[in-house]
Amino acid sequence: MKKSTLVIVIIAVVIIGCIMNLSSSYNDMVKTQEEATTALANVQTTYQRRADLIPNLVETVKGYAKHEEQTLTEVVNARAKATQITLDAENMTPEKMKEFQAAQGELSSALGRLIAVGEAYPDLKANENFKDLQTQLEGTENRINEARMKYNEAVQKYNQGIRSFPKVLFAGMFGFDKMNKFEAAEGAEKAPEVKF
């Protein structure tokens, strides 16, 4: 084989190897990004499940606790605010994530006050519908926490992938940017005060 032919074959093999590596890296980045965006959609689905339970809970409480109009109004307003803010993986910024988390935190706080209303009304506390809704909300809160953890794990895998060599060389070129994780709400490190 001629020397020039051998050089051409070696160059072709190197080029093909680089293309295959680039293709494999790109496909892996797409896969991990899709896993993270699917996990984000699952988080939003669990938050929506909670939002869907709230009207039934409010109506149940309304029948027993007529003097708690302010609490009911706060829950309805917090639900409306929380459902207006959605996260989109394409344009998710740290500010948007904080806004989303703040709205969900307000809703959690309002729900906590609404559930506490049940303690003041023995008939409501004994109502099967109220107890069932309360149980469903507790289960939903657990699902939210689990979905957020799975999202954070998927984002960690994705972020590690796009920041490791050699993918870091191509990630920015193909539009793969670092994604944000869910963080604890501000003040979450302090135990809540419970007053009766």
N, C-alpha and C. Protein backbone atom coordinates (compact mmCIF):
# COMPACT_ATOMS: atom_id res chain seq x y z
N MET A 1 0.85 -1.16 0.00
CA MET A 1 0.00 0.00 0.00
C MET A 1 0.90 1.24 0.00
N LYS A 2 0.51 2.19 -0.77
CA LYS A 2 1.28 3.42 -0.85
C LYS A 2 1.17 4.20 0.46
N LYS A 3 2.18 5.00 0.70
CA LYS A 3 2.22 5.82 1.90
C LYS A 3 1.07 6.83 1.92
N SER A 4 0.75 7.44 0.80
CA SER A 4 -0.33 8.42 0.73
C SER A 4 -1.69 7.76 0.96
N THR A 5 -1.88 6.56 0.48
CA THR A 5 -3.12 5.83 0.69
C THR A 5 -3.28 5.49 2.17
N LEU A 6 -2.19 5.07 2.80
CA LEU A 6 -2.21 4.73 4.21
C LEU A 6 -2.57 5.96 5.06
N VAL A 7 -2.03 7.11 4.72
CA VAL A 7 -2.34 8.36 5.43
C VAL A 7 -3.81 8.70 5.27
N ILE A 8 -4.36 8.54 4.08
CA ILE A 8 -5.77 8.82 3.82
C ILE A 8 -6.66 7.87 4.62
N VAL A 9 -6.29 6.60 4.69
CA VAL A 9 -7.07 5.62 5.45
C VAL A 9 -7.04 5.98 6.93
N ILE A 10 -5.88 6.34 7.45
CA ILE A 10 -5.77 6.70 8.86
C ILE A 10 -6.60 7.94 9.16
N ILE A 11 -6.53 8.95 8.31
CA ILE A 11 -7.32 10.17 8.48
C ILE A 11 -8.81 9.84 8.44
N ALA A 12 -9.21 8.99 7.50
CA ALA A 12 -10.62 8.60 7.38
C ALA A 12 -11.10 7.88 8.64
N VAL A 13 -10.26 6.98 9.18
CA VAL A 13 -10.61 6.25 10.39
C VAL A 13 -10.76 7.21 11.57
N VAL A 14 -9.83 8.18 11.68
CA VAL A 14 -9.90 9.17 12.76
C VAL A 14 -11.16 10.01 12.63
N ILE A 15 -11.47 10.45 11.41
CA ILE A 15 -12.67 11.27 11.18
C ILE A 15 -13.93 10.48 11.50
N ILE A 16 -14.00 9.26 11.06
CA ILE A 16 -15.16 8.40 11.34
C ILE A 16 -15.29 8.17 12.85
N GLY A 17 -14.17 7.94 13.53
CA GLY A 17 -14.19 7.75 14.98
C GLY A 17 -14.69 9.00 15.70
N CYS A 18 -14.24 10.18 15.24
CA CYS A 18 -14.70 11.44 15.84
C CYS A 18 -16.19 11.65 15.62
N ILE A 19 -16.66 11.36 14.42
CA ILE A 19 -18.09 11.51 14.11
C ILE A 19 -18.93 10.56 14.96
N MET A 20 -18.46 9.32 15.11
CA MET A 20 -19.21 8.36 15.92
C MET A 20 -19.23 8.78 17.39
N ASN A 21 -18.09 9.29 17.89
CA ASN A 21 -18.04 9.76 19.27
C ASN A 21 -18.95 10.96 19.47
N LEU A 22 -18.94 11.89 18.52
CA LEU A 22 -19.81 13.06 18.57
C LEU A 22 -21.27 12.64 18.53
N SER A 23 -21.60 11.71 17.67
CA SER A 23 -22.97 11.22 17.55
C SER A 23 -23.42 10.54 18.85
N SER A 24 -22.55 9.72 19.41
CA SER A 24 -22.88 9.04 20.65
C SER A 24 -23.05 10.04 21.79
N SER A 25 -22.16 11.04 21.87
CA SER A 25 -22.26 12.07 22.90
C SER A 25 -23.56 12.86 22.76
N TYR A 26 -23.88 13.25 21.55
CA TYR A 26 -25.10 14.02 21.29
C TYR A 26 -26.34 13.21 21.70
N ASN A 27 -26.39 11.96 21.29
CA ASN A 27 -27.53 11.11 21.62
C ASN A 27 -27.67 10.92 23.13
N ASP A 28 -26.54 10.78 23.83
CA ASP A 28 -26.59 10.62 25.28
C ASP A 28 -27.08 11.90 25.94
N MET A 29 -26.66 13.06 25.45
CA MET A 29 -27.13 14.33 26.01
C MET A 29 -28.63 14.50 25.78
N VAL A 30 -29.10 14.12 24.61
CA VAL A 30 -30.54 14.19 24.32
C VAL A 30 -31.31 13.28 25.27
N LYS A 31 -30.81 12.07 25.46
CA LYS A 31 -31.48 11.10 26.33
C LYS A 31 -31.58 11.61 27.76
N THR A 32 -30.47 12.10 28.31
CA THR A 32 -30.51 12.56 29.71
C THR A 32 -31.32 13.84 29.85
N GLN A 33 -31.32 14.69 28.84
CA GLN A 33 -32.14 15.90 28.88
C GLN A 33 -33.62 15.52 28.87
N GLU A 34 -33.99 14.56 28.05
CA GLU A 34 -35.39 14.11 28.01
C GLU A 34 -35.81 13.47 29.32
N GLU A 35 -34.92 12.73 29.96
CA GLU A 35 -35.24 12.15 31.26
C GLU A 35 -35.51 13.26 32.28
N ALA A 36 -34.70 14.31 32.24
CA ALA A 36 -34.88 15.43 33.18
C ALA A 36 -36.17 16.19 32.89
N THR A 37 -36.47 16.43 31.62
CA THR A 37 -37.70 17.18 31.31
C THR A 37 -38.95 16.34 31.61
N THR A 38 -38.85 15.03 31.44
CA THR A 38 -39.96 14.15 31.81
C THR A 38 -40.15 14.17 33.32
N ALA A 39 -39.06 14.16 34.06
CA ALA A 39 -39.15 14.23 35.52
C ALA A 39 -39.78 15.55 35.95
N LEU A 40 -39.45 16.65 35.25
CA LEU A 40 -40.06 17.94 35.55
C LEU A 40 -41.57 17.90 35.28
N ALA A 41 -41.95 17.29 34.18
CA ALA A 41 -43.38 17.17 33.87
C ALA A 41 -44.10 16.34 34.95
N ASN A 42 -43.42 15.33 35.48
CA ASN A 42 -44.02 14.52 36.55
C ASN A 42 -44.19 15.34 37.82
N VAL A 43 -43.24 16.23 38.11
CA VAL A 43 -43.38 17.12 39.27
C VAL A 43 -44.62 17.99 39.09
N GLN A 44 -44.75 18.57 37.91
CA GLN A 44 -45.90 19.45 37.65
C GLN A 44 -47.21 18.68 37.71
N THR A 45 -47.20 17.43 37.27
CA THR A 45 -48.40 16.61 37.34
C THR A 45 -48.82 16.36 38.79
N THR A 46 -47.85 16.13 39.67
CA THR A 46 -48.22 15.90 41.07
C THR A 46 -48.71 17.18 41.72
N TYR A 47 -48.11 18.31 41.35
CA TYR A 47 -48.63 19.59 41.87
C TYR A 47 -50.05 19.83 41.35
N GLN A 48 -50.31 19.45 40.11
CA GLN A 48 -51.64 19.63 39.55
C GLN A 48 -52.65 18.73 40.26
N ARG A 49 -52.23 17.53 40.64
CA ARG A 49 -53.11 16.62 41.37
C ARG A 49 -53.53 17.27 42.69
N ARG A 50 -52.56 17.89 43.35
CA ARG A 50 -52.89 18.59 44.61
C ARG A 50 -53.87 19.73 44.34
N ALA A 51 -53.61 20.50 43.31
CA ALA A 51 -54.49 21.62 42.97
C ALA A 51 -55.89 21.13 42.63
N ASP A 52 -56.01 19.96 42.03
CA ASP A 52 -57.32 19.42 41.67
C ASP A 52 -58.11 18.96 42.91
N LEU A 53 -57.41 18.58 43.97
CA LEU A 53 -58.10 18.14 45.19
C LEU A 53 -58.64 19.32 46.00
N ILE A 54 -58.04 20.47 45.84
CA ILE A 54 -58.38 21.62 46.69
C ILE A 54 -59.84 22.07 46.58
N PRO A 55 -60.43 22.19 45.38
CA PRO A 55 -61.84 22.63 45.34
C PRO A 55 -62.78 21.73 46.16
N ASN A 56 -62.55 20.43 46.12
CA ASN A 56 -63.39 19.52 46.91
C ASN A 56 -63.18 19.73 48.40
N LEU A 57 -61.94 19.94 48.79
CA LEU A 57 -61.64 20.18 50.20
C LEU A 57 -62.28 21.49 50.66
N VAL A 58 -62.15 22.53 49.87
CA VAL A 58 -62.74 23.84 50.21
C VAL A 58 -64.25 23.72 50.36
N GLU A 59 -64.90 23.02 49.44
CA GLU A 59 -66.35 22.86 49.51
C GLU A 59 -66.77 22.07 50.75
N THR A 60 -66.00 21.07 51.10
CA THR A 60 -66.31 20.29 52.29
C THR A 60 -66.19 21.14 53.55
N VAL A 61 -65.11 21.91 53.64
CA VAL A 61 -64.91 22.77 54.80
C VAL A 61 -65.95 23.87 54.85
N LYS A 62 -66.32 24.40 53.68
CA LYS A 62 -67.28 25.51 53.60
C LYS A 62 -68.60 25.15 54.29
N GLY A 63 -69.02 23.92 54.15
CA GLY A 63 -70.28 23.50 54.75
C GLY A 63 -70.24 23.47 56.26
N TYR A 64 -69.08 23.27 56.87
CA TYR A 64 -68.97 23.15 58.32
C TYR A 64 -68.42 24.41 58.99
N ALA A 65 -67.53 25.09 58.30
CA ALA A 65 -66.81 26.19 58.91
C ALA A 65 -67.17 27.51 58.23
N LYS A 66 -68.37 27.93 58.41
CA LYS A 66 -68.85 29.14 57.75
C LYS A 66 -68.09 30.39 58.20
N HIS A 67 -67.48 30.34 59.37
CA HIS A 67 -66.77 31.51 59.90
C HIS A 67 -65.32 31.57 59.42
N GLU A 68 -64.91 30.67 58.59
CA GLU A 68 -63.52 30.61 58.13
C GLU A 68 -63.39 31.08 56.69
N GLU A 69 -64.18 32.05 56.31
CA GLU A 69 -64.18 32.54 54.93
C GLU A 69 -62.81 33.04 54.48
N GLN A 70 -62.08 33.71 55.37
CA GLN A 70 -60.76 34.24 55.00
C GLN A 70 -59.79 33.11 54.66
N THR A 71 -59.79 32.07 55.46
CA THR A 71 -58.91 30.93 55.21
C THR A 71 -59.26 30.28 53.88
N LEU A 72 -60.55 30.10 53.62
CA LEU A 72 -60.99 29.50 52.36
C LEU A 72 -60.57 30.37 51.18
N THR A 73 -60.73 31.67 51.32
CA THR A 73 -60.34 32.60 50.25
C THR A 73 -58.84 32.53 50.00
N GLU A 74 -58.04 32.45 51.07
CA GLU A 74 -56.59 32.36 50.92
C GLU A 74 -56.19 31.10 50.16
N VAL A 75 -56.85 30.00 50.46
CA VAL A 75 -56.54 28.74 49.77
C VAL A 75 -56.90 28.84 48.29
N VAL A 76 -58.07 29.36 48.00
CA VAL A 76 -58.50 29.49 46.60
C VAL A 76 -57.56 30.41 45.83
N ASN A 77 -57.17 31.54 46.44
CA ASN A 77 -56.26 32.48 45.77
C ASN A 77 -54.87 31.87 45.58
N ALA A 78 -54.39 31.16 46.59
CA ALA A 78 -53.07 30.52 46.48
C ALA A 78 -53.09 29.44 45.41
N ARG A 79 -54.19 28.70 45.32
CA ARG A 79 -54.31 27.68 44.26
C ARG A 79 -54.29 28.33 42.89
N ALA A 80 -55.03 29.42 42.73
CA ALA A 80 -55.08 30.12 41.44
C ALA A 80 -53.68 30.60 41.04
N LYS A 81 -52.96 31.18 41.99
CA LYS A 81 -51.62 31.67 41.70
C LYS A 81 -50.67 30.52 41.34
N ALA A 82 -50.76 29.42 42.09
CA ALA A 82 -49.87 28.29 41.86
C ALA A 82 -50.11 27.62 40.51
N THR A 83 -51.36 27.59 40.08
CA THR A 83 -51.65 26.94 38.79
C THR A 83 -51.35 27.83 37.60
N GLN A 84 -51.17 29.12 37.82
CA GLN A 84 -50.83 30.03 36.72
C GLN A 84 -49.36 29.94 36.34
N ILE A 85 -48.51 29.55 37.26
CA ILE A 85 -47.07 29.49 37.01
C ILE A 85 -46.70 28.07 36.62
N THR A 86 -46.19 27.92 35.42
CA THR A 86 -45.73 26.61 34.98
C THR A 86 -44.26 26.71 34.59
N LEU A 87 -43.58 25.59 34.72
CA LEU A 87 -42.17 25.54 34.34
C LEU A 87 -42.05 24.91 32.97
N ASP A 88 -41.20 25.50 32.17
CA ASP A 88 -40.93 24.99 30.84
C ASP A 88 -39.43 24.72 30.75
N ALA A 89 -39.05 23.50 30.44
CA ALA A 89 -37.65 23.12 30.40
C ALA A 89 -36.86 23.95 29.39
N GLU A 90 -37.52 24.47 28.41
CA GLU A 90 -36.83 25.24 27.37
C GLU A 90 -36.36 26.61 27.86
N ASN A 91 -37.10 27.23 28.75
CA ASN A 91 -36.71 28.56 29.20
C ASN A 91 -36.79 28.69 30.73
N MET A 92 -36.37 27.65 31.43
CA MET A 92 -36.42 27.65 32.88
C MET A 92 -35.20 28.38 33.42
N THR A 93 -35.45 29.43 34.16
CA THR A 93 -34.38 30.21 34.76
C THR A 93 -34.44 30.03 36.28
N PRO A 94 -33.37 30.36 36.98
CA PRO A 94 -33.44 30.27 38.45
C PRO A 94 -34.55 31.14 39.03
N GLU A 95 -34.80 32.30 38.41
CA GLU A 95 -35.85 33.19 38.88
C GLU A 95 -37.23 32.54 38.71
N LYS A 96 -37.44 31.91 37.56
CA LYS A 96 -38.72 31.24 37.28
C LYS A 96 -38.93 30.08 38.25
N MET A 97 -37.84 29.35 38.55
CA MET A 97 -37.91 28.23 39.49
C MET A 97 -38.28 28.75 40.88
N LYS A 98 -37.68 29.85 41.30
CA LYS A 98 -37.99 30.42 42.62
C LYS A 98 -39.43 30.91 42.67
N GLU A 99 -39.89 31.53 41.59
CA GLU A 99 -41.27 32.01 41.53
C GLU A 99 -42.25 30.83 41.65
N PHE A 100 -41.96 29.75 40.94
CA PHE A 100 -42.79 28.54 40.98
C PHE A 100 -42.80 27.97 42.40
N GLN A 101 -41.60 27.84 42.99
CA GLN A 101 -41.51 27.28 44.33
C GLN A 101 -42.20 28.16 45.36
N ALA A 102 -42.11 29.48 45.20
CA ALA A 102 -42.77 30.39 46.14
C ALA A 102 -44.29 30.23 46.06
N ALA A 103 -44.82 30.13 44.86
CA ALA A 103 -46.27 29.97 44.69
C ALA A 103 -46.73 28.64 45.29
N GLN A 104 -45.95 27.58 45.07
CA GLN A 104 -46.31 26.27 45.64
C GLN A 104 -46.19 26.31 47.16
N GLY A 105 -45.21 27.04 47.67
CA GLY A 105 -45.05 27.18 49.12
C GLY A 105 -46.22 27.91 49.76
N GLU A 106 -46.69 28.96 49.08
CA GLU A 106 -47.87 29.70 49.58
C GLU A 106 -49.08 28.78 49.62
N LEU A 107 -49.22 27.94 48.60
CA LEU A 107 -50.35 27.02 48.56
C LEU A 107 -50.23 25.99 49.69
N SER A 108 -49.04 25.48 49.92
CA SER A 108 -48.84 24.53 51.02
C SER A 108 -49.18 25.16 52.36
N SER A 109 -48.76 26.39 52.54
CA SER A 109 -49.04 27.10 53.79
C SER A 109 -50.55 27.31 53.97
N ALA A 110 -51.22 27.74 52.91
CA ALA A 110 -52.66 27.96 52.98
C ALA A 110 -53.39 26.65 53.25
N LEU A 111 -52.93 25.57 52.64
CA LEU A 111 -53.55 24.26 52.89
C LEU A 111 -53.36 23.83 54.34
N GLY A 112 -52.18 24.11 54.87
CA GLY A 112 -51.92 23.78 56.27
C GLY A 112 -52.89 24.49 57.20
N ARG A 113 -53.15 25.77 56.91
CA ARG A 113 -54.12 26.52 57.72
C ARG A 113 -55.52 25.94 57.56
N LEU A 114 -55.86 25.52 56.34
CA LEU A 114 -57.18 24.95 56.10
C LEU A 114 -57.35 23.62 56.85
N ILE A 115 -56.33 22.80 56.82
CA ILE A 115 -56.40 21.53 57.55
C ILE A 115 -56.50 21.80 59.05
N ALA A 116 -55.81 22.82 59.52
CA ALA A 116 -55.88 23.18 60.95
C ALA A 116 -57.28 23.61 61.34
N VAL A 117 -58.04 24.17 60.41
CA VAL A 117 -59.42 24.57 60.67
C VAL A 117 -60.23 23.34 61.09
N GLY A 118 -59.92 22.21 60.51
CA GLY A 118 -60.62 20.98 60.84
C GLY A 118 -60.53 20.63 62.32
N GLU A 119 -59.42 21.02 62.96
CA GLU A 119 -59.25 20.74 64.39
C GLU A 119 -60.26 21.52 65.23
N ALA A 120 -60.66 22.69 64.75
CA ALA A 120 -61.58 23.53 65.52
C ALA A 120 -63.04 23.11 65.34
N TYR A 121 -63.32 22.26 64.38
CA TYR A 121 -64.69 21.84 64.09
C TYR A 121 -64.78 20.31 64.16
N PRO A 122 -65.19 19.78 65.31
CA PRO A 122 -65.24 18.32 65.50
C PRO A 122 -66.11 17.61 64.45
N ASP A 123 -67.22 18.25 64.04
CA ASP A 123 -68.07 17.61 63.04
C ASP A 123 -67.33 17.48 61.71
N LEU A 124 -66.59 18.52 61.36
CA LEU A 124 -65.81 18.49 60.12
C LEU A 124 -64.71 17.44 60.22
N LYS A 125 -64.03 17.42 61.36
CA LYS A 125 -62.93 16.47 61.56
C LYS A 125 -63.42 15.03 61.44
N ALA A 126 -64.66 14.78 61.84
CA ALA A 126 -65.23 13.44 61.78
C ALA A 126 -65.83 13.12 60.40
N ASN A 127 -65.99 14.12 59.55
CA ASN A 127 -66.59 13.92 58.23
C ASN A 127 -65.70 13.02 57.37
N GLU A 128 -66.28 11.96 56.81
CA GLU A 128 -65.53 10.99 56.01
C GLU A 128 -64.92 11.63 54.76
N ASN A 129 -65.68 12.51 54.14
CA ASN A 129 -65.18 13.18 52.94
C ASN A 129 -63.94 14.02 53.28
N PHE A 130 -63.99 14.76 54.39
CA PHE A 130 -62.86 15.59 54.82
C PHE A 130 -61.66 14.70 55.14
N LYS A 131 -61.89 13.62 55.86
CA LYS A 131 -60.78 12.72 56.22
C LYS A 131 -60.17 12.10 54.96
N ASP A 132 -61.01 11.72 54.01
CA ASP A 132 -60.52 11.14 52.77
C ASP A 132 -59.68 12.15 51.97
N LEU A 133 -60.19 13.37 51.87
CA LEU A 133 -59.46 14.41 51.15
C LEU A 133 -58.14 14.74 51.86
N GLN A 134 -58.16 14.77 53.18
CA GLN A 134 -56.96 15.03 53.95
C GLN A 134 -55.92 13.93 53.70
N THR A 135 -56.36 12.69 53.67
CA THR A 135 -55.46 11.57 53.39
C THR A 135 -54.90 11.66 51.98
N GLN A 136 -55.76 12.01 51.01
CA GLN A 136 -55.29 12.15 49.64
C GLN A 136 -54.26 13.27 49.51
N LEU A 137 -54.49 14.37 50.22
CA LEU A 137 -53.53 15.48 50.19
C LEU A 137 -52.20 15.08 50.80
N GLU A 138 -52.24 14.34 51.91
CA GLU A 138 -51.00 13.87 52.53
C GLU A 138 -50.24 12.96 51.56
N GLY A 139 -50.96 12.06 50.90
CA GLY A 139 -50.33 11.18 49.91
C GLY A 139 -49.76 11.98 48.74
N THR A 140 -50.47 13.01 48.33
CA THR A 140 -50.01 13.84 47.22
C THR A 140 -48.75 14.60 47.61
N GLU A 141 -48.69 15.09 48.84
CA GLU A 141 -47.48 15.79 49.30
C GLU A 141 -46.29 14.84 49.25
N ASN A 142 -46.49 13.58 49.63
CA ASN A 142 -45.41 12.59 49.53
C ASN A 142 -45.00 12.36 48.08
N ARG A 143 -46.00 12.32 47.19
CA ARG A 143 -45.70 12.14 45.77
C ARG A 143 -44.93 13.34 45.21
N ILE A 144 -45.31 14.54 45.65
CA ILE A 144 -44.60 15.74 45.22
C ILE A 144 -43.13 15.66 45.62
N ASN A 145 -42.91 15.29 46.87
CA ASN A 145 -41.53 15.18 47.36
C ASN A 145 -40.75 14.14 46.56
N GLU A 146 -41.36 13.01 46.31
CA GLU A 146 -40.70 11.95 45.54
C GLU A 146 -40.42 12.39 44.10
N ALA A 147 -41.38 13.07 43.49
CA ALA A 147 -41.19 13.55 42.11
C ALA A 147 -40.08 14.59 42.04
N ARG A 148 -40.02 15.46 43.03
CA ARG A 148 -38.96 16.47 43.06
C ARG A 148 -37.59 15.81 43.22
N MET A 149 -37.51 14.79 44.06
CA MET A 149 -36.23 14.08 44.24
C MET A 149 -35.80 13.40 42.94
N LYS A 150 -36.75 12.76 42.26
CA LYS A 150 -36.42 12.11 40.98
C LYS A 150 -36.00 13.13 39.94
N TYR A 151 -36.65 14.29 39.93
CA TYR A 151 -36.27 15.35 39.01
C TYR A 151 -34.84 15.81 39.30
N ASN A 152 -34.54 16.05 40.57
CA ASN A 152 -33.19 16.50 40.93
C ASN A 152 -32.13 15.47 40.54
N GLU A 153 -32.45 14.19 40.70
CA GLU A 153 -31.51 13.13 40.30
C GLU A 153 -31.30 13.14 38.79
N ALA A 154 -32.39 13.31 38.02
CA ALA A 154 -32.27 13.35 36.56
C ALA A 154 -31.48 14.57 36.12
N VAL A 155 -31.71 15.70 36.76
CA VAL A 155 -30.96 16.93 36.42
C VAL A 155 -29.49 16.76 36.78
N GLN A 156 -29.21 16.12 37.90
CA GLN A 156 -27.82 15.90 38.28
C GLN A 156 -27.11 15.04 37.22
N LYS A 157 -27.75 13.99 36.79
CA LYS A 157 -27.17 13.11 35.76
C LYS A 157 -26.94 13.89 34.47
N TYR A 158 -27.92 14.68 34.06
CA TYR A 158 -27.81 15.48 32.84
C TYR A 158 -26.69 16.51 32.97
N ASN A 159 -26.68 17.27 34.06
CA ASN A 159 -25.66 18.31 34.26
C ASN A 159 -24.26 17.71 34.31
N GLN A 160 -24.12 16.57 34.98
CA GLN A 160 -22.81 15.91 35.01
C GLN A 160 -22.39 15.49 33.61
N GLY A 161 -23.34 15.00 32.84
CA GLY A 161 -23.03 14.56 31.48
C GLY A 161 -22.56 15.69 30.59
N ILE A 162 -23.26 16.81 30.62
CA ILE A 162 -22.89 17.90 29.70
C ILE A 162 -21.65 18.66 30.17
N ARG A 163 -21.26 18.46 31.42
CA ARG A 163 -20.08 19.16 31.92
C ARG A 163 -18.85 18.28 31.95
N SER A 164 -18.99 17.00 31.56
CA SER A 164 -17.83 16.10 31.56
C SER A 164 -17.20 16.07 30.16
N PHE A 165 -15.93 15.74 30.14
CA PHE A 165 -15.18 15.68 28.89
C PHE A 165 -15.49 14.37 28.19
N PRO A 166 -15.70 14.32 26.93
CA PRO A 166 -15.57 15.33 25.89
C PRO A 166 -16.90 16.06 25.56
N LYS A 167 -17.98 15.68 26.26
CA LYS A 167 -19.28 16.27 25.94
C LYS A 167 -19.30 17.77 26.17
N VAL A 168 -18.52 18.25 27.13
CA VAL A 168 -18.48 19.68 27.41
C VAL A 168 -18.04 20.47 26.18
N LEU A 169 -17.28 19.84 25.30
CA LEU A 169 -16.83 20.51 24.08
C LEU A 169 -17.97 20.75 23.10
N PHE A 170 -18.99 19.90 23.16
CA PHE A 170 -20.09 19.97 22.19
C PHE A 170 -21.40 20.48 22.78
N ALA A 171 -21.55 20.38 24.09
CA ALA A 171 -22.84 20.71 24.73
C ALA A 171 -23.30 22.12 24.39
N GLY A 172 -22.46 23.09 24.59
CA GLY A 172 -22.84 24.47 24.30
C GLY A 172 -23.12 24.68 22.82
N MET A 173 -22.34 24.03 21.99
CA MET A 173 -22.50 24.16 20.53
C MET A 173 -23.88 23.65 20.08
N PHE A 174 -24.38 22.63 20.76
CA PHE A 174 -25.67 22.06 20.39
C PHE A 174 -26.83 22.55 21.25
N GLY A 175 -26.57 23.52 22.13
CA GLY A 175 -27.64 24.13 22.92
C GLY A 175 -28.02 23.38 24.18
N PHE A 176 -27.15 22.55 24.69
CA PHE A 176 -27.43 21.84 25.93
C PHE A 176 -26.89 22.67 27.09
N ASP A 177 -27.80 23.35 27.81
CA ASP A 177 -27.42 24.21 28.92
C ASP A 177 -27.71 23.51 30.24
N LYS A 178 -27.02 23.96 31.28
CA LYS A 178 -27.22 23.42 32.61
C LYS A 178 -28.66 23.66 33.05
N MET A 179 -29.26 22.68 33.72
CA MET A 179 -30.63 22.79 34.22
C MET A 179 -30.60 23.07 35.72
N ASN A 180 -31.67 23.68 36.23
CA ASN A 180 -31.79 24.02 37.65
C ASN A 180 -32.51 22.92 38.41
N LYS A 181 -32.08 22.73 39.64
CA LYS A 181 -32.72 21.76 40.53
C LYS A 181 -33.72 22.47 41.43
N PHE A 182 -34.63 21.68 42.00
CA PHE A 182 -35.50 22.20 43.04
C PHE A 182 -34.67 22.31 44.31
N GLU A 183 -34.88 23.38 45.04
CA GLU A 183 -34.19 23.57 46.31
C GLU A 183 -35.23 23.75 47.40
N ALA A 184 -34.79 23.60 48.61
CA ALA A 184 -35.69 23.80 49.74
C ALA A 184 -36.18 25.24 49.74
N ALA A 185 -37.41 25.42 50.13
CA ALA A 185 -37.99 26.77 50.20
C ALA A 185 -37.27 27.58 51.26
N GLU A 186 -37.22 28.88 51.04
CA GLU A 186 -36.57 29.77 52.00
C GLU A 186 -37.24 29.63 53.36
N GLY A 187 -36.44 29.45 54.39
CA GLY A 187 -36.97 29.30 55.75
C GLY A 187 -37.33 27.87 56.09
N ALA A 188 -37.11 26.92 55.18
CA ALA A 188 -37.47 25.52 55.43
C ALA A 188 -36.60 24.88 56.51
N GLU A 189 -35.43 25.49 56.78
CA GLU A 189 -34.54 24.92 57.80
C GLU A 189 -35.08 25.12 59.21
N LYS A 190 -36.07 26.01 59.37
CA LYS A 190 -36.65 26.28 60.68
C LYS A 190 -37.92 25.46 60.84
N ALA A 191 -38.08 24.87 62.02
CA ALA A 191 -39.31 24.11 62.29
C ALA A 191 -40.49 25.08 62.41
N PRO A 192 -41.64 24.72 61.82
CA PRO A 192 -42.79 25.61 61.92
C PRO A 192 -43.33 25.67 63.35
N GLU A 193 -43.88 26.83 63.71
CA GLU A 193 -44.52 26.98 65.01
C GLU A 193 -45.94 26.46 64.92
N VAL A 194 -46.31 25.66 65.89
CA VAL A 194 -47.66 25.13 65.95
C VAL A 194 -48.34 25.74 67.16
N LYS A 195 -49.46 26.43 66.93
CA LYS A 195 -50.20 27.06 68.02
C LYS A 195 -51.65 26.60 67.96
N PHE A 196 -52.18 26.26 69.10
CA PHE A 196 -53.60 25.87 69.19
C PHE A 196 -54.33 26.86 70.05
